[in-house]
């Protein structure tokens, strides 16, 4: 499954395409009717915006079900700096 994601900087709004596969910290699966449902747990503690140079984090999960198909996601962007700087 493709884990390239569009992410906006929480400070300046600059948009990125980030390969979340680089930040997968855990993969788990369980069997369902149409095969395995796979959860990819994402954790990026610090990502620096190329535009405003402020740092933010990315965390959450992406689910694949059935195999090879996007099912759902819960990706959160976390501000790590004061947005007024």
C-alpha atoms as a PDB file:
ATOM      1  CA  UNK A   1       0.000   0.000   0.000  1.00  0.00           C
ATOM      2  CA  UNK A   2       1.175   3.498  -0.820  1.00  0.00           C
ATOM      3  CA  UNK A   3       1.869   5.530   2.338  1.00  0.00           C
ATOM      4  CA  UNK A   4       2.734   8.796   0.578  1.00  0.00           C
ATOM      5  CA  UNK A   5       0.648  11.390   2.408  1.00  0.00           C
ATOM      6  CA  UNK A   6      -0.156  15.069   1.928  1.00  0.00           C
ATOM      7  CA  UNK A   7       0.736  16.975   5.077  1.00  0.00           C
ATOM      8  CA  UNK A   8       0.374  20.710   5.732  1.00  0.00           C
ATOM      9  CA  UNK A   9       2.754  22.566   8.016  1.00  0.00           C
ATOM     10  CA  UNK A  10       0.669  23.640  11.037  1.00  0.00           C
ATOM     11  CA  UNK A  11       2.432  27.032  11.100  1.00  0.00           C
ATOM     12  CA  UNK A  12       2.583  28.292   7.509  1.00  0.00           C
ATOM     13  CA  UNK A  13       0.348  25.815   5.672  1.00  0.00           C
ATOM     14  CA  UNK A  14       3.088  24.700   3.254  1.00  0.00           C
ATOM     15  CA  UNK A  15       2.053  21.354   1.761  1.00  0.00           C
ATOM     16  CA  UNK A  16       4.331  18.312   1.547  1.00  0.00           C
ATOM     17  CA  UNK A  17       4.060  14.842   0.148  1.00  0.00           C
ATOM     18  CA  UNK A  18       5.740  12.700   2.791  1.00  0.00           C
ATOM     19  CA  UNK A  19       6.340   8.961   2.561  1.00  0.00           C
ATOM     20  CA  UNK A  20       5.009   7.853   5.940  1.00  0.00           C
ATOM     21  CA  UNK A  21       6.619   4.459   5.400  1.00  0.00           C
ATOM     22  CA  UNK A  22       9.839   6.113   6.587  1.00  0.00           C
ATOM     23  CA  UNK A  23       8.163   6.677   9.972  1.00  0.00           C
ATOM     24  CA  UNK A  24       6.374   3.339  10.531  1.00  0.00           C
ATOM     25  CA  UNK A  25       7.234   2.140  14.039  1.00  0.00           C
ATOM     26  CA  UNK A  26       4.869  -0.854  14.200  1.00  0.00           C
ATOM     27  CA  UNK A  27       2.808  -3.027  11.862  1.00  0.00           C
ATOM     28  CA  UNK A  28       0.045  -5.254  13.206  1.00  0.00           C
ATOM     29  CA  UNK A  29      -2.711  -7.232  11.546  1.00  0.00           C
ATOM     30  CA  UNK A  30      -5.747  -9.323  12.324  1.00  0.00           C
ATOM     31  CA  UNK A  31      -7.891 -11.543  10.153  1.00  0.00           C
ATOM     32  CA  UNK A  32     -11.275 -10.365   8.924  1.00  0.00           C
ATOM     33  CA  UNK A  33     -13.778 -11.647   6.366  1.00  0.00           C
ATOM     34  CA  UNK A  34     -11.797 -10.481   3.296  1.00  0.00           C
ATOM     35  CA  UNK A  35      -8.337 -11.267   4.678  1.00  0.00           C
ATOM     36  CA  UNK A  36      -5.961  -9.406   6.937  1.00  0.00           C
ATOM     37  CA  UNK A  37      -6.547  -5.850   8.135  1.00  0.00           C
ATOM     38  CA  UNK A  38      -3.147  -4.195   8.646  1.00  0.00           C
ATOM     39  CA  UNK A  39      -2.479  -1.189  10.858  1.00  0.00           C
ATOM     40  CA  UNK A  40       0.635   0.918  10.257  1.00  0.00           C
ATOM     41  CA  UNK A  41       1.564   2.969  13.327  1.00  0.00           C
ATOM     42  CA  UNK A  42       3.288   6.217  12.344  1.00  0.00           C
ATOM     43  CA  UNK A  43       5.588   8.256  14.587  1.00  0.00           C
ATOM     44  CA  UNK A  44       7.777  11.156  13.493  1.00  0.00           C
ATOM     45  CA  UNK A  45       8.973  13.062  16.541  1.00  0.00           C
ATOM     46  CA  UNK A  46      10.332  16.029  14.618  1.00  0.00           C
ATOM     47  CA  UNK A  47       9.916  17.234  11.030  1.00  0.00           C
ATOM     48  CA  UNK A  48      11.247  20.630   9.970  1.00  0.00           C
ATOM     49  CA  UNK A  49       9.267  22.701   7.481  1.00  0.00           C
ATOM     50  CA  UNK A  50      11.354  23.695   4.451  1.00  0.00           C
ATOM     51  CA  UNK A  51       9.351  26.909   4.146  1.00  0.00           C
ATOM     52  CA  UNK A  52       9.207  28.393   7.675  1.00  0.00           C
ATOM     53  CA  UNK A  53      11.819  26.123   9.351  1.00  0.00           C
ATOM     54  CA  UNK A  54       9.557  25.370  12.333  1.00  0.00           C
ATOM     55  CA  UNK A  55       9.341  21.868  13.712  1.00  0.00           C
ATOM     56  CA  UNK A  56       6.282  19.662  14.057  1.00  0.00           C
ATOM     57  CA  UNK A  57       5.524  16.021  14.776  1.00  0.00           C
ATOM     58  CA  UNK A  58       3.435  13.474  12.897  1.00  0.00           C
ATOM     59  CA  UNK A  59       1.721  10.530  14.579  1.00  0.00           C
ATOM     60  CA  UNK A  60      -1.188   8.172  14.174  1.00  0.00           C
ATOM     61  CA  UNK A  61      -2.235   5.127  12.174  1.00  0.00           C
ATOM     62  CA  UNK A  62      -3.174   4.101   8.655  1.00  0.00           C
ATOM     63  CA  UNK A  63      -5.262   0.963   8.075  1.00  0.00           C
ATOM     64  CA  UNK A  64      -5.158  -1.269   5.009  1.00  0.00           C
ATOM     65  CA  UNK A  65      -8.138  -3.564   4.334  1.00  0.00           C
ATOM     66  CA  UNK A  66      -8.470  -5.651   2.334  1.00  0.00           C
ATOM     67  CA  UNK A  67      -4.814  -6.224   1.469  1.00  0.00           C
ATOM     68  CA  UNK A  68      -3.509  -3.463  -0.807  1.00  0.00           C
ATOM     69  CA  UNK A  69      -6.461  -1.114  -0.252  1.00  0.00           C
ATOM     70  CA  UNK A  70      -6.614   2.027   1.893  1.00  0.00           C
ATOM     71  CA  UNK A  71      -9.299   1.656   4.568  1.00  0.00           C
ATOM     72  CA  UNK A  72      -8.937   4.471   7.121  1.00  0.00           C
ATOM     73  CA  UNK A  73      -6.464   6.790   8.825  1.00  0.00           C
ATOM     74  CA  UNK A  74      -5.988   8.850  11.952  1.00  0.00           C
ATOM     75  CA  UNK A  75      -2.941  11.051  11.327  1.00  0.00           C
ATOM     76  CA  UNK A  76      -2.282  13.977  13.671  1.00  0.00           C
ATOM     77  CA  UNK A  77       0.094  16.903  13.138  1.00  0.00           C
ATOM     78  CA  UNK A  78       1.554  18.205  16.409  1.00  0.00           C
ATOM     79  CA  UNK A  79       2.973  21.707  16.868  1.00  0.00           C
ATOM     80  CA  UNK A  80       6.309  21.574  18.671  1.00  0.00           C
ATOM     81  CA  UNK A  81       7.038  25.322  18.670  1.00  0.00           C
ATOM     82  CA  UNK A  82       5.147  28.474  19.511  1.00  0.00           C
ATOM     83  CA  UNK A  83       3.322  29.462  16.307  1.00  0.00           C
ATOM     84  CA  UNK A  84       3.977  33.186  16.885  1.00  0.00           C
ATOM     85  CA  UNK A  85       7.743  33.050  16.268  1.00  0.00           C
END
